[in-house]
């Protein structure tokens, strides 16, 4: 094999490799990259609950996320992150002989920065935060020890 053939082959391989990189850079600037979305579940009820999280891609109905937990009172759970893509999230608190199932639904998009789920005796509160500054503020509050804040709230109520 002569030197010219080696250089041609190397050039062809380089162009093929670079084509993949260009697609990634283009996705970055057009905003189609998906970033992970943190999820947090807090339990403010009086009894353990079985909870499931399911997400389905909007448009094709493909299941994109499925998690289940048994959560005890006062517990905070951080499930795996969701992908920041257009999908429908369903949160289900499974009932038993005494309680009915509760379901709350919301839409996750590429603008979503944080998903907060609060469980109560008679409702599920699903908060989908798209504002990046607000999401960072909420995460900092929880990282700084929200247990102190929770106990202060309990003393007032």
Protein backbone atom coordinates (compact mmCIF):
# COMPACT_ATOMS: atom_id res chain seq x y z
CA UNK A 1 0.00 0.00 0.00
CA UNK A 2 1.49 3.33 -0.98
CA UNK A 3 1.53 6.49 1.04
CA UNK A 4 -1.17 8.19 -1.04
CA UNK A 5 -3.64 5.34 -0.38
CA UNK A 6 -2.91 5.49 3.38
CA UNK A 7 -3.54 9.24 3.45
CA UNK A 8 -6.80 8.86 1.51
CA UNK A 9 -8.01 6.18 3.92
CA UNK A 10 -7.07 8.27 6.95
CA UNK A 11 -8.90 11.27 5.48
CA UNK A 12 -12.05 9.24 4.83
CA UNK A 13 -12.03 7.79 8.36
CA UNK A 14 -11.52 11.28 9.82
CA UNK A 15 -14.48 12.70 7.90
CA UNK A 16 -16.77 9.89 9.03
CA UNK A 17 -15.71 10.42 12.67
CA UNK A 18 -16.09 14.18 12.39
CA UNK A 19 -19.61 13.82 10.97
CA UNK A 20 -20.81 12.31 14.26
CA UNK A 21 -19.20 15.14 16.24
CA UNK A 22 -20.80 17.80 14.06
CA UNK A 23 -24.25 16.29 14.72
CA UNK A 24 -23.60 16.47 18.47
CA UNK A 25 -22.44 20.08 18.28
CA UNK A 26 -25.42 20.99 16.12
CA UNK A 27 -27.80 19.36 18.63
CA UNK A 28 -26.18 21.39 21.40
CA UNK A 29 -26.78 24.71 19.65
CA UNK A 30 -30.27 23.87 18.44
CA UNK A 31 -31.31 22.76 21.92
CA UNK A 32 -32.22 19.17 21.16
CA UNK A 33 -29.87 17.63 23.71
CA UNK A 34 -31.73 16.07 26.61
CA UNK A 35 -30.55 16.89 30.08
CA UNK A 36 -31.38 14.80 33.13
CA UNK A 37 -34.19 16.12 35.33
CA UNK A 38 -33.89 15.45 39.09
CA UNK A 39 -36.96 13.99 40.82
CA UNK A 40 -37.69 14.19 44.53
CA UNK A 41 -40.52 12.60 46.50
CA UNK A 42 -41.41 13.71 50.03
CA UNK A 43 -43.94 11.98 52.26
CA UNK A 44 -45.98 14.10 54.68
CA UNK A 45 -48.64 11.48 55.42
CA UNK A 46 -49.20 9.26 58.45
CA UNK A 47 -48.76 5.79 56.92
CA UNK A 48 -46.48 4.05 54.38
CA UNK A 49 -47.51 4.33 50.73
CA UNK A 50 -46.68 2.38 47.60
CA UNK A 51 -45.90 4.88 44.86
CA UNK A 52 -45.16 4.36 41.19
CA UNK A 53 -43.78 6.81 38.63
CA UNK A 54 -44.36 6.14 34.94
CA UNK A 55 -43.55 8.29 31.94
CA UNK A 56 -44.55 7.87 28.31
CA UNK A 57 -43.07 9.76 25.37
CA UNK A 58 -45.60 12.07 23.80
CA UNK A 59 -46.21 11.29 20.19
CA UNK A 60 -45.20 7.64 19.98
CA UNK A 61 -46.40 6.35 23.40
CA UNK A 62 -43.07 4.65 24.15
CA UNK A 63 -42.54 4.01 27.86
CA UNK A 64 -39.57 6.10 28.97
CA UNK A 65 -39.53 5.74 32.76
CA UNK A 66 -40.83 3.33 35.38
CA UNK A 67 -40.01 3.36 39.11
CA UNK A 68 -41.84 2.04 42.20
CA UNK A 69 -41.23 2.67 45.91
CA UNK A 70 -42.70 2.02 49.32
CA UNK A 71 -42.29 5.31 51.17
CA UNK A 72 -42.63 5.74 54.92
CA UNK A 73 -43.84 8.91 56.71
CA UNK A 74 -41.19 11.65 56.83
CA UNK A 75 -39.05 9.92 54.19
CA UNK A 76 -37.54 11.73 51.21
CA UNK A 77 -36.68 9.71 48.09
CA UNK A 78 -34.58 10.80 45.11
CA UNK A 79 -35.44 8.43 42.23
CA UNK A 80 -33.26 8.25 39.11
CA UNK A 81 -33.44 11.35 36.94
CA UNK A 82 -35.92 11.68 34.09
CA UNK A 83 -34.76 12.61 30.62
CA UNK A 84 -35.63 16.17 29.66
CA UNK A 85 -37.74 15.23 26.67
CA UNK A 86 -41.40 15.69 25.77
CA UNK A 87 -43.17 13.07 27.91
CA UNK A 88 -46.18 12.57 30.14
CA UNK A 89 -45.40 11.70 33.78
CA UNK A 90 -47.92 9.83 35.92
CA UNK A 91 -47.52 9.58 39.70
CA UNK A 92 -49.72 6.97 41.40
CA UNK A 93 -50.17 6.50 45.13
CA UNK A 94 -51.59 3.00 45.39
CA UNK A 95 -54.41 2.54 47.86
CA UNK A 96 -55.53 -0.45 49.87
CA UNK A 97 -58.78 -1.53 51.54
CA UNK A 98 -59.02 1.85 53.31
CA UNK A 99 -57.57 4.19 50.67
CA UNK A 100 -58.32 4.80 47.02
CA UNK A 101 -55.56 5.15 44.43
CA UNK A 102 -54.54 8.74 43.76
CA UNK A 103 -53.11 9.76 40.39
CA UNK A 104 -51.48 13.01 39.34
CA UNK A 105 -50.15 13.74 35.85
CA UNK A 106 -47.86 16.35 34.35
CA UNK A 107 -45.81 17.08 31.27
CA UNK A 108 -42.01 16.97 31.20
CA UNK A 109 -40.25 18.95 28.46
CA UNK A 110 -36.71 19.92 27.54
CA UNK A 111 -37.33 23.06 29.64
CA UNK A 112 -38.02 21.08 32.86
CA UNK A 113 -35.34 21.49 35.54
CA UNK A 114 -36.84 19.74 38.59
CA UNK A 115 -39.81 17.55 39.54
CA UNK A 116 -41.10 17.67 43.13
CA UNK A 117 -43.68 15.18 44.36
CA UNK A 118 -45.28 15.60 47.79
CA UNK A 119 -47.50 12.88 49.23
CA UNK A 120 -50.27 13.74 51.69
CA UNK A 121 -53.10 11.72 53.22
CA UNK A 122 -55.65 12.86 50.64
CA UNK A 123 -53.64 14.21 47.69
CA UNK A 124 -50.48 14.15 45.60
CA UNK A 125 -48.86 17.47 44.82
CA UNK A 126 -46.84 17.36 41.59
CA UNK A 127 -44.70 20.42 40.94
CA UNK A 128 -42.82 20.61 37.64
CA UNK A 129 -40.30 23.45 37.79
CA UNK A 130 -39.02 24.90 34.54
CA UNK A 131 -37.27 27.99 35.91
CA UNK A 132 -33.60 27.08 36.42
CA UNK A 133 -33.01 29.62 39.21
CA UNK A 134 -36.05 28.37 41.15
CA UNK A 135 -34.94 24.74 40.73
CA UNK A 136 -31.45 25.57 42.03
CA UNK A 137 -32.94 27.44 45.00
CA UNK A 138 -35.18 24.49 45.94
CA UNK A 139 -32.28 22.02 45.62
CA UNK A 140 -30.06 24.23 47.82
CA UNK A 141 -32.78 24.40 50.50
CA UNK A 142 -33.00 20.62 50.57
CA UNK A 143 -29.22 20.15 50.53
CA UNK A 144 -28.78 22.60 53.42
CA UNK A 145 -30.92 20.40 55.69
CA UNK A 146 -34.61 20.89 55.11
CA UNK A 147 -35.31 18.67 58.12
CA UNK A 148 -34.67 21.75 60.25
CA UNK A 149 -37.13 23.73 58.12
CA UNK A 150 -39.69 20.90 58.34
CA UNK A 151 -39.49 20.78 62.14
CA UNK A 152 -39.91 24.56 62.32
CA UNK A 153 -43.05 24.24 60.18
CA UNK A 154 -44.37 21.47 62.43
CA UNK A 155 -43.90 23.68 65.51
CA UNK A 156 -45.94 26.44 63.86
CA UNK A 157 -48.78 24.19 62.69
